[in-house]
Amino acid sequence: MNKKAKGNRNEYKTMRLLESVGYECFRMAASKGAFDVIAVSPSDVLLIQVKSNRFPSSLEMETIKAFECPINARKLIHVWQDRKRLPVVKEV
């Protein structure tokens, strides 16, 4: 499986996980921005960068940290390890 297909698959896994707990999710297809998935609930907003097997590079982390978002929004990193059922989640 190529990197693009694996990344897409993991983005959809993140979306299904969040939808199962009540979030409405939007995927930023061909995302060149800081976040791949935006998840919205009545109480908060999640801005999520999805990765496969590794955390973002230091340059990517700087972009994520510098992104200004509303006070009720949280910035998360979801790292999907091969053959694991749940991602490693880190709040930025």
Protein backbone atom coordinates (compact mmCIF):
# COMPACT_ATOMS: atom_id res chain seq x y z
CA MET A 1 0.00 0.00 0.00
CA ASN A 2 1.40 3.41 -0.89
CA LYS A 3 1.81 6.28 1.59
CA LYS A 4 -1.12 8.30 0.23
CA ALA A 5 -3.56 5.38 0.50
CA LYS A 6 -2.33 4.53 4.00
CA GLY A 7 -2.71 8.16 5.09
CA ASN A 8 -6.24 8.34 3.67
CA ARG A 9 -7.18 5.10 5.41
CA ASN A 10 -5.93 6.41 8.75
CA GLU A 11 -7.77 9.72 8.30
CA TYR A 12 -11.01 7.77 7.79
CA LYS A 13 -10.23 5.61 10.85
CA THR A 14 -9.87 8.79 12.92
CA MET A 15 -13.17 10.09 11.55
CA ARG A 16 -15.03 6.84 12.36
CA LEU A 17 -13.57 6.83 15.88
CA LEU A 18 -14.72 10.40 16.56
CA GLU A 19 -18.13 9.93 14.90
CA SER A 20 -18.74 6.98 17.23
CA VAL A 21 -18.53 9.36 20.21
CA GLY A 22 -20.75 12.06 18.71
CA TYR A 23 -18.53 14.34 16.63
CA GLU A 24 -19.37 15.46 13.12
CA CYS A 25 -16.17 15.13 11.09
CA PHE A 26 -14.83 16.82 7.99
CA ARG A 27 -11.79 15.59 6.08
CA MET A 28 -9.55 18.14 4.42
CA ALA A 29 -8.84 16.19 1.22
CA ALA A 30 -5.37 16.78 -0.26
CA SER A 31 -4.60 18.80 2.83
CA LYS A 32 -1.48 20.90 2.61
CA GLY A 33 -2.47 22.76 5.77
CA ALA A 34 -1.80 22.04 9.40
CA PHE A 35 -4.78 19.70 9.96
CA ASP A 36 -6.29 16.70 8.16
CA VAL A 37 -9.58 16.29 10.05
CA ILE A 38 -11.86 18.78 11.77
CA ALA A 39 -14.33 17.32 14.28
CA VAL A 40 -17.18 19.36 15.74
CA SER A 41 -19.44 18.67 18.73
CA PRO A 42 -21.86 20.99 20.54
CA SER A 43 -19.20 21.75 23.16
CA ASP A 44 -15.87 21.79 21.31
CA VAL A 45 -13.91 21.58 18.07
CA LEU A 46 -10.99 19.24 17.40
CA LEU A 47 -8.32 20.06 14.84
CA ILE A 48 -6.46 16.85 14.08
CA GLN A 49 -3.23 16.04 12.25
CA VAL A 50 -3.23 12.32 11.36
CA LYS A 51 0.07 10.47 10.97
CA SER A 52 1.12 6.88 10.24
CA ASN A 53 3.76 5.33 12.55
CA ARG A 54 5.53 8.58 13.47
CA PHE A 55 4.91 11.93 15.06
CA PRO A 56 5.14 15.10 12.94
CA SER A 57 8.53 16.61 12.18
CA SER A 58 9.70 19.63 14.15
CA LEU A 59 8.75 21.89 11.22
CA GLU A 60 5.22 20.41 11.12
CA MET A 61 4.91 20.81 14.89
CA GLU A 62 5.86 24.49 14.65
CA THR A 63 3.13 25.00 12.02
CA ILE A 64 0.57 23.27 14.24
CA LYS A 65 1.58 25.21 17.35
CA ALA A 66 1.52 28.54 15.47
CA PHE A 67 -2.00 27.98 14.13
CA GLU A 68 -4.40 30.28 15.96
CA CYS A 69 -7.71 28.68 16.86
CA PRO A 70 -10.78 29.55 18.96
CA ILE A 71 -10.65 29.00 22.72
CA ASN A 72 -13.04 26.02 22.49
CA ALA A 73 -10.84 24.25 19.90
CA ARG A 74 -8.15 21.68 20.69
CA LYS A 75 -5.24 20.71 18.46
CA LEU A 76 -4.51 16.96 18.44
CA ILE A 77 -2.05 14.59 16.79
CA HIS A 78 -3.34 11.08 16.00
CA VAL A 79 -0.54 8.61 15.24
CA TRP A 80 -1.76 5.27 13.91
CA GLN A 81 0.78 2.48 14.45
CA ASP A 82 0.61 -0.51 12.10
CA ARG A 83 -1.82 -3.21 13.28
CA LYS A 84 -3.04 -1.20 16.30
CA ARG A 85 -6.74 -0.64 16.94
CA LEU A 86 -6.44 2.86 18.42
CA PRO A 87 -4.15 5.80 17.72
CA VAL A 88 -1.62 7.36 20.03
CA VAL A 89 -3.15 10.77 20.80
CA LYS A 90 -1.20 13.84 21.82
CA GLU A 91 -2.68 17.27 22.52
CA VAL A 92 -0.61 20.21 21.30
